[in-house]
Amino acid sequence: MTKLKKQDFVKKYNYSPSTYQRRMSELKNTAIFSAAYERVTGQEVWINTELYDKFLSFKSYNRLRTRKVTPKEFIEKH
């Protein structure tokens, strides 16, 4: 399991501050994948990149589907 600090995560994925905030908000509100975001203290945040990459795959998979799958269904299939 790979975890990165917020600064390293933003650098690795080349996110702007607004994109980072938008993605984290969506991640934290998605069942199962919210575990990827760990707020240790008010100033320290760790992100599990393996789970985050699965979240991006889930998001992409559901993007154009009429019948959306749940995170649990997605993880069971992939």
PDB file of N, CA and C in Angstrom:
ATOM      1  N   MET A   1       0.854  -1.180   0.000  1.00  0.00           N
ATOM      2  CA  MET A   1       0.000   0.000   0.000  1.00  0.00           C
ATOM      3  C   MET A   1       0.896   1.238   0.000  1.00  0.00           C
ATOM      4  N   THR A   2       0.671   2.108  -0.952  1.00  0.00           N
ATOM      5  CA  THR A   2       1.456   3.330  -1.067  1.00  0.00           C
ATOM      6  C   THR A   2       0.644   4.511  -0.546  1.00  0.00           C
ATOM      7  N   LYS A   3       1.230   5.252   0.353  1.00  0.00           N
ATOM      8  CA  LYS A   3       0.587   6.447   0.879  1.00  0.00           C
ATOM      9  C   LYS A   3       1.480   7.638   0.604  1.00  0.00           C
ATOM     10  N   LEU A   4       0.855   8.742   0.217  1.00  0.00           N
ATOM     11  CA  LEU A   4       1.598   9.981  -0.025  1.00  0.00           C
ATOM     12  C   LEU A   4       1.009  11.102   0.807  1.00  0.00           C
ATOM     13  N   LYS A   5       1.883  12.022   1.215  1.00  0.00           N
ATOM     14  CA  LYS A   5       1.403  13.238   1.858  1.00  0.00           C
ATOM     15  C   LYS A   5       0.706  14.089   0.807  1.00  0.00           C
ATOM     16  N   LYS A   6      -0.119  14.988   1.258  1.00  0.00           N
ATOM     17  CA  LYS A   6      -0.901  15.825   0.347  1.00  0.00           C
ATOM     18  C   LYS A   6      -0.012  16.519  -0.694  1.00  0.00           C
ATOM     19  N   GLN A   7       1.084  17.119  -0.271  1.00  0.00           N
ATOM     20  CA  GLN A   7       1.948  17.850  -1.195  1.00  0.00           C
ATOM     21  C   GLN A   7       2.519  16.929  -2.276  1.00  0.00           C
ATOM     22  N   ASP A   8       2.951  15.746  -1.866  1.00  0.00           N
ATOM     23  CA  ASP A   8       3.506  14.785  -2.822  1.00  0.00           C
ATOM     24  C   ASP A   8       2.428  14.253  -3.763  1.00  0.00           C
ATOM     25  N   PHE A   9       1.236  14.056  -3.217  1.00  0.00           N
ATOM     26  CA  PHE A   9       0.103  13.575  -4.012  1.00  0.00           C
ATOM     27  C   PHE A   9      -0.254  14.584  -5.106  1.00  0.00           C
ATOM     28  N   VAL A  10      -0.362  15.854  -4.728  1.00  0.00           N
ATOM     29  CA  VAL A  10      -0.697  16.916  -5.679  1.00  0.00           C
ATOM     30  C   VAL A  10       0.360  16.994  -6.777  1.00  0.00           C
ATOM     31  N   LYS A  11       1.608  16.841  -6.389  1.00  0.00           N
ATOM     32  CA  LYS A  11       2.709  16.886  -7.356  1.00  0.00           C
ATOM     33  C   LYS A  11       2.654  15.682  -8.305  1.00  0.00           C
ATOM     34  N   LYS A  12       2.434  14.482  -7.748  1.00  0.00           N
ATOM     35  CA  LYS A  12       2.403  13.261  -8.561  1.00  0.00           C
ATOM     36  C   LYS A  12       1.286  13.299  -9.607  1.00  0.00           C
ATOM     37  N   TYR A  13       0.089  13.745  -9.206  1.00  0.00           N
ATOM     38  CA  TYR A  13      -1.056  13.768 -10.109  1.00  0.00           C
ATOM     39  C   TYR A  13      -1.186  15.087 -10.868  1.00  0.00           C
ATOM     40  N   ASN A  14      -0.300  16.017 -10.572  1.00  0.00           N
ATOM     41  CA  ASN A  14      -0.279  17.318 -11.248  1.00  0.00           C
ATOM     42  C   ASN A  14      -1.633  18.034 -11.156  1.00  0.00           C
ATOM     43  N   TYR A  15      -2.194  18.075  -9.942  1.00  0.00           N
ATOM     44  CA  TYR A  15      -3.493  18.705  -9.714  1.00  0.00           C
ATOM     45  C   TYR A  15      -3.322  20.155  -9.269  1.00  0.00           C
ATOM     46  N   SER A  16      -4.225  20.996  -9.735  1.00  0.00           N
ATOM     47  CA  SER A  16      -4.298  22.359  -9.209  1.00  0.00           C
ATOM     48  C   SER A  16      -4.998  22.265  -7.848  1.00  0.00           C
ATOM     49  N   PRO A  17      -4.913  23.294  -7.015  1.00  0.00           N
ATOM     50  CA  PRO A  17      -5.598  23.241  -5.714  1.00  0.00           C
ATOM     51  C   PRO A  17      -7.105  23.006  -5.839  1.00  0.00           C
ATOM     52  N   SER A  18      -7.731  23.616  -6.825  1.00  0.00           N
ATOM     53  CA  SER A  18      -9.182  23.434  -6.974  1.00  0.00           C
ATOM     54  C   SER A  18      -9.527  22.018  -7.434  1.00  0.00           C
ATOM     55  N   THR A  19      -8.719  21.452  -8.317  1.00  0.00           N
ATOM     56  CA  THR A  19      -8.958  20.071  -8.766  1.00  0.00           C
ATOM     57  C   THR A  19      -8.749  19.106  -7.600  1.00  0.00           C
ATOM     58  N   TYR A  20      -7.715  19.339  -6.812  1.00  0.00           N
ATOM     59  CA  TYR A  20      -7.463  18.495  -5.641  1.00  0.00           C
ATOM     60  C   TYR A  20      -8.661  18.527  -4.698  1.00  0.00           C
ATOM     61  N   GLN A  21      -9.158  19.716  -4.396  1.00  0.00           N
ATOM     62  CA  GLN A  21     -10.295  19.852  -3.482  1.00  0.00           C
ATOM     63  C   GLN A  21     -11.536  19.139  -4.029  1.00  0.00           C
ATOM     64  N   ARG A  22     -11.789  19.299  -5.301  1.00  0.00           N
ATOM     65  CA  ARG A  22     -12.965  18.677  -5.941  1.00  0.00           C
ATOM     66  C   ARG A  22     -12.868  17.151  -5.886  1.00  0.00           C
ATOM     67  N   ARG A  23     -11.694  16.619  -6.234  1.00  0.00           N
ATOM     68  CA  ARG A  23     -11.496  15.163  -6.234  1.00  0.00           C
ATOM     69  C   ARG A  23     -11.585  14.588  -4.812  1.00  0.00           C
ATOM     70  N   MET A  24     -10.987  15.264  -3.846  1.00  0.00           N
ATOM     71  CA  MET A  24     -11.019  14.770  -2.471  1.00  0.00           C
ATOM     72  C   MET A  24     -12.426  14.828  -1.893  1.00  0.00           C
ATOM     73  N   SER A  25     -13.165  15.855  -2.234  1.00  0.00           N
ATOM     74  CA  SER A  25     -14.541  15.955  -1.766  1.00  0.00           C
ATOM     75  C   SER A  25     -15.367  14.785  -2.289  1.00  0.00           C
ATOM     76  N   GLU A  26     -15.210  14.483  -3.559  1.00  0.00           N
ATOM     77  CA  GLU A  26     -15.934  13.358  -4.151  1.00  0.00           C
ATOM     78  C   GLU A  26     -15.453  12.031  -3.562  1.00  0.00           C
ATOM     79  N   LEU A  27     -14.154  11.891  -3.383  1.00  0.00           N
ATOM     80  CA  LEU A  27     -13.583  10.670  -2.808  1.00  0.00           C
ATOM     81  C   LEU A  27     -14.122  10.429  -1.402  1.00  0.00           C
ATOM     82  N   LYS A  28     -14.117  11.461  -0.565  1.00  0.00           N
ATOM     83  CA  LYS A  28     -14.559  11.320   0.817  1.00  0.00           C
ATOM     84  C   LYS A  28     -16.044  10.996   0.929  1.00  0.00           C
ATOM     85  N   ASN A  29     -16.820  11.334  -0.098  1.00  0.00           N
ATOM     86  CA  ASN A  29     -18.257  11.073  -0.079  1.00  0.00           C
ATOM     87  C   ASN A  29     -18.650   9.793  -0.804  1.00  0.00           C
ATOM     88  N   THR A  30     -17.669   8.984  -1.167  1.00  0.00           N
ATOM     89  CA  THR A  30     -17.933   7.727  -1.862  1.00  0.00           C
ATOM     90  C   THR A  30     -17.612   6.563  -0.930  1.00  0.00           C
ATOM     91  N   ALA A  31     -18.618   5.702  -0.716  1.00  0.00           N
ATOM     92  CA  ALA A  31     -18.426   4.555   0.168  1.00  0.00           C
ATOM     93  C   ALA A  31     -17.232   3.727  -0.284  1.00  0.00           C
ATOM     94  N   ILE A  32     -16.575   3.102   0.628  1.00  0.00           N
ATOM     95  CA  ILE A  32     -15.392   2.256   0.454  1.00  0.00           C
ATOM     96  C   ILE A  32     -14.154   3.086   0.104  1.00  0.00           C
ATOM     97  N   PHE A  33     -14.239   3.936  -0.900  1.00  0.00           N
ATOM     98  CA  PHE A  33     -13.069   4.697  -1.340  1.00  0.00           C
ATOM     99  C   PHE A  33     -12.692   5.819  -0.370  1.00  0.00           C
ATOM    100  N   SER A  34     -13.606   6.200   0.507  1.00  0.00           N
ATOM    101  CA  SER A  34     -13.296   7.266   1.464  1.00  0.00           C
ATOM    102  C   SER A  34     -12.152   6.871   2.398  1.00  0.00           C
ATOM    103  N   ALA A  35     -11.888   5.576   2.517  1.00  0.00           N
ATOM    104  CA  ALA A  35     -10.782   5.105   3.354  1.00  0.00           C
ATOM    105  C   ALA A  35      -9.419   5.515   2.789  1.00  0.00           C
ATOM    106  N   ALA A  36      -9.376   5.938   1.536  1.00  0.00           N
ATOM    107  CA  ALA A  36      -8.121   6.366   0.919  1.00  0.00           C
ATOM    108  C   ALA A  36      -7.623   7.688   1.498  1.00  0.00           C
ATOM    109  N   TYR A  37      -8.519   8.456   2.099  1.00  0.00           N
ATOM    110  CA  TYR A  37      -8.183   9.782   2.632  1.00  0.00           C
ATOM    111  C   TYR A  37      -8.027   9.676   4.143  1.00  0.00           C
ATOM    112  N   GLU A  38      -6.841   9.959   4.651  1.00  0.00           N
ATOM    113  CA  GLU A  38      -6.577   9.898   6.089  1.00  0.00           C
ATOM    114  C   GLU A  38      -6.088  11.245   6.587  1.00  0.00           C
ATOM    115  N   ARG A  39      -6.900  11.877   7.404  1.00  0.00           N
ATOM    116  CA  ARG A  39      -6.513  13.159   7.995  1.00  0.00           C
ATOM    117  C   ARG A  39      -5.962  12.870   9.386  1.00  0.00           C
ATOM    118  N   VAL A  40      -4.657  12.860   9.491  1.00  0.00           N
ATOM    119  CA  VAL A  40      -3.979  12.517  10.740  1.00  0.00           C
ATOM    120  C   VAL A  40      -4.126  13.653  11.745  1.00  0.00           C
ATOM    121  N   THR A  41      -3.838  14.867  11.302  1.00  0.00           N
ATOM    122  CA  THR A  41      -4.031  16.073  12.119  1.00  0.00           C
ATOM    123  C   THR A  41      -4.636  17.131  11.197  1.00  0.00           C
ATOM    124  N   GLY A  42      -4.854  18.299  11.722  1.00  0.00           N
ATOM    125  CA  GLY A  42      -5.386  19.388  10.915  1.00  0.00           C
ATOM    126  C   GLY A  42      -4.456  19.803   9.786  1.00  0.00           C
ATOM    127  N   GLN A  43      -3.176  19.525   9.951  1.00  0.00           N
ATOM    128  CA  GLN A  43      -2.189  19.926   8.955  1.00  0.00           C
ATOM    129  C   GLN A  43      -1.592  18.749   8.173  1.00  0.00           C
ATOM    130  N   GLU A  44      -1.896  17.528   8.594  1.00  0.00           N
ATOM    131  CA  GLU A  44      -1.271  16.356   7.958  1.00  0.00           C
ATOM    132  C   GLU A  44      -2.333  15.451   7.333  1.00  0.00           C
ATOM    133  N   VAL A  45      -2.219  15.259   6.026  1.00  0.00           N
ATOM    134  CA  VAL A  45      -3.145  14.401   5.286  1.00  0.00           C
ATOM    135  C   VAL A  45      -2.343  13.373   4.510  1.00  0.00           C
ATOM    136  N   TRP A  46      -2.782  12.118   4.569  1.00  0.00           N
ATOM    137  CA  TRP A  46      -2.179  11.029   3.808  1.00  0.00           C
ATOM    138  C   TRP A  46      -3.220  10.454   2.868  1.00  0.00           C
ATOM    139  N   ILE A  47      -2.809  10.093   1.655  1.00  0.00           N
ATOM    140  CA  ILE A  47      -3.721   9.533   0.667  1.00  0.00           C
ATOM    141  C   ILE A  47      -3.151   8.204   0.173  1.00  0.00           C
ATOM    142  N   ASN A  48      -3.973   7.168   0.253  1.00  0.00           N
ATOM    143  CA  ASN A  48      -3.609   5.842  -0.235  1.00  0.00           C
ATOM    144  C   ASN A  48      -3.757   5.873  -1.757  1.00  0.00           C
ATOM    145  N   THR A  49      -2.653   5.868  -2.479  1.00  0.00           N
ATOM    146  CA  THR A  49      -2.699   6.037  -3.936  1.00  0.00           C
ATOM    147  C   THR A  49      -3.273   4.817  -4.654  1.00  0.00           C
ATOM    148  N   GLU A  50      -3.079   3.626  -4.103  1.00  0.00           N
ATOM    149  CA  GLU A  50      -3.637   2.429  -4.739  1.00  0.00           C
ATOM    150  C   GLU A  50      -5.165   2.479  -4.728  1.00  0.00           C
ATOM    151  N   LEU A  51      -5.738   2.834  -3.591  1.00  0.00           N
ATOM    152  CA  LEU A  51      -7.191   2.937  -3.483  1.00  0.00           C
ATOM    153  C   LEU A  51      -7.702   4.123  -4.301  1.00  0.00           C
ATOM    154  N   TYR A  52      -6.931   5.204  -4.333  1.00  0.00           N
ATOM    155  CA  TYR A  52      -7.322   6.366  -5.126  1.00  0.00           C
ATOM    156  C   TYR A  52      -7.353   6.024  -6.616  1.00  0.00           C
ATOM    157  N   ASP A  53      -6.385   5.251  -7.092  1.00  0.00           N
ATOM    158  CA  ASP A  53      -6.373   4.839  -8.497  1.00  0.00           C
ATOM    159  C   ASP A  53      -7.585   3.962  -8.820  1.00  0.00           C
ATOM    160  N   LYS A  54      -7.991   3.112  -7.874  1.00  0.00           N
ATOM    161  CA  LYS A  54      -9.211   2.311  -8.070  1.00  0.00           C
ATOM    162  C   LYS A  54     -10.436   3.220  -8.121  1.00  0.00           C
ATOM    163  N   PHE A  55     -10.435   4.266  -7.296  1.00  0.00           N
ATOM    164  CA  PHE A  55     -11.529   5.232  -7.312  1.00  0.00           C
ATOM    165  C   PHE A  55     -11.630   5.904  -8.681  1.00  0.00           C
ATOM    166  N   LEU A  56     -10.491   6.287  -9.253  1.00  0.00           N
ATOM    167  CA  LEU A  56     -10.502   6.903 -10.585  1.00  0.00           C
ATOM    168  C   LEU A  56     -11.027   5.928 -11.638  1.00  0.00           C
ATOM    169  N   SER A  57     -10.661   4.665 -11.524  1.00  0.00           N
ATOM    170  CA  SER A  57     -11.169   3.646 -12.450  1.00  0.00           C
ATOM    171  C   SER A  57     -12.678   3.478 -12.289  1.00  0.00           C
ATOM    172  N   PHE A  58     -13.142   3.464 -11.046  1.00  0.00           N
ATOM    173  CA  PHE A  58     -14.578   3.372 -10.756  1.00  0.00           C
ATOM    174  C   PHE A  58     -15.325   4.557 -11.355  1.00  0.00           C
ATOM    175  N   LYS A  59     -14.784   5.725 -11.148  1.00  0.00           N
ATOM    176  CA  LYS A  59     -15.401   6.951 -11.663  1.00  0.00           C
ATOM    177  C   LYS A  59     -15.469   6.920 -13.199  1.00  0.00           C
ATOM    178  N   SER A  60     -14.402   6.478 -13.824  1.00  0.00           N
ATOM    179  CA  SER A  60     -14.346   6.382 -15.278  1.00  0.00           C
ATOM    180  C   SER A  60     -15.332   5.327 -15.789  1.00  0.00           C
ATOM    181  N   TYR A  61     -15.387   4.200 -15.102  1.00  0.00           N
ATOM    182  CA  TYR A  61     -16.279   3.100 -15.488  1.00  0.00           C
ATOM    183  C   TYR A  61     -17.742   3.540 -15.458  1.00  0.00           C
ATOM    184  N   ASN A  62     -18.121   4.304 -14.454  1.00  0.00           N
ATOM    185  CA  ASN A  62     -19.514   4.745 -14.292  1.00  0.00           C
ATOM    186  C   ASN A  62     -19.870   5.981 -15.115  1.00  0.00           C
ATOM    187  N   ARG A  63     -18.886   6.626 -15.655  1.00  0.00           N
ATOM    188  CA  ARG A  63     -19.082   7.932 -16.298  1.00  0.00           C
ATOM    189  C   ARG A  63     -20.199   7.958 -17.332  1.00  0.00           C
ATOM    190  N   LEU A  64     -20.203   7.037 -18.255  1.00  0.00           N
ATOM    191  CA  LEU A  64     -21.190   7.055 -19.330  1.00  0.00           C
ATOM    192  C   LEU A  64     -22.223   5.930 -19.229  1.00  0.00           C
ATOM    193  N   ARG A  65     -22.217   5.227 -18.127  1.00  0.00           N
ATOM    194  CA  ARG A  65     -23.164   4.116 -17.951  1.00  0.00           C
ATOM    195  C   ARG A  65     -24.537   4.630 -17.566  1.00  0.00           C
ATOM    196  N   THR A  66     -25.562   4.002 -18.114  1.00  0.00           N
ATOM    197  CA  THR A  66     -26.930   4.332 -17.738  1.00  0.00           C
ATOM    198  C   THR A  66     -27.233   3.738 -16.371  1.00  0.00           C
ATOM    199  N   ARG A  67     -26.862   2.480 -16.184  1.00  0.00           N
ATOM    200  CA  ARG A  67     -27.046   1.821 -14.901  1.00  0.00           C
ATOM    201  C   ARG A  67     -25.712   1.854 -14.160  1.00  0.00           C
ATOM    202  N   LYS A  68     -25.604   2.756 -13.230  1.00  0.00           N
ATOM    203  CA  LYS A  68     -24.364   2.922 -12.463  1.00  0.00           C
ATOM    204  C   LYS A  68     -24.172   1.739 -11.517  1.00  0.00           C
ATOM    205  N   VAL A  69     -22.933   1.359 -11.309  1.00  0.00           N
ATOM    206  CA  VAL A  69     -22.623   0.308 -10.341  1.00  0.00           C
ATOM    207  C   VAL A  69     -22.168   0.970  -9.040  1.00  0.00           C
ATOM    208  N   THR A  70     -22.356   0.256  -7.946  1.00  0.00           N
ATOM    209  CA  THR A  70     -21.919   0.769  -6.648  1.00  0.00           C
ATOM    210  C   THR A  70     -20.427   0.494  -6.493  1.00  0.00           C
ATOM    211  N   PRO A  71     -19.778   1.191  -5.587  1.00  0.00           N
ATOM    212  CA  PRO A  71     -18.356   0.916  -5.361  1.00  0.00           C
ATOM    213  C   PRO A  71     -18.113  -0.553  -4.990  1.00  0.00           C
ATOM    214  N   LYS A  72     -18.996  -1.127  -4.192  1.00  0.00           N
ATOM    215  CA  LYS A  72     -18.836  -2.526  -3.788  1.00  0.00           C
ATOM    216  C   LYS A  72     -18.903  -3.446  -5.002  1.00  0.00           C
ATOM    217  N   GLU A  73     -19.875  -3.232  -5.886  1.00  0.00           N
ATOM    218  CA  GLU A  73     -19.997  -4.045  -7.101  1.00  0.00           C
ATOM    219  C   GLU A  73     -18.763  -3.891  -7.983  1.00  0.00           C
ATOM    220  N   PHE A  74     -18.275  -2.676  -8.090  1.00  0.00           N
ATOM    221  CA  PHE A  74     -17.097  -2.416  -8.921  1.00  0.00           C
ATOM    222  C   PHE A  74     -15.867  -3.167  -8.399  1.00  0.00           C
ATOM    223  N   ILE A  75     -15.643  -3.124  -7.094  1.00  0.00           N
ATOM    224  CA  ILE A  75     -14.480  -3.789  -6.509  1.00  0.00           C
ATOM    225  C   ILE A  75     -14.593  -5.306  -6.654  1.00  0.00           C
ATOM    226  N   GLU A  76     -15.803  -5.836  -6.528  1.00  0.00           N
ATOM    227  CA  GLU A  76     -15.989  -7.283  -6.687  1.00  0.00           C
ATOM    228  C   GLU A  76     -15.695  -7.730  -8.113  1.00  0.00           C
ATOM    229  N   LYS A  77     -16.007  -6.895  -9.107  1.00  0.00           N
ATOM    230  CA  LYS A  77     -15.798  -7.242 -10.512  1.00  0.00           C
ATOM    231  C   LYS A  77     -14.360  -7.016 -10.955  1.00  0.00           C
ATOM    232  N   HIS A  78     -13.700  -6.034 -10.372  1.00  0.00           N
ATOM    233  CA  HIS A  78     -12.360  -5.670 -10.842  1.00  0.00           C
ATOM    234  C   HIS A  78     -11.364  -5.974  -9.790  1.00  0.00           C
TER     235      HIS A  78
END
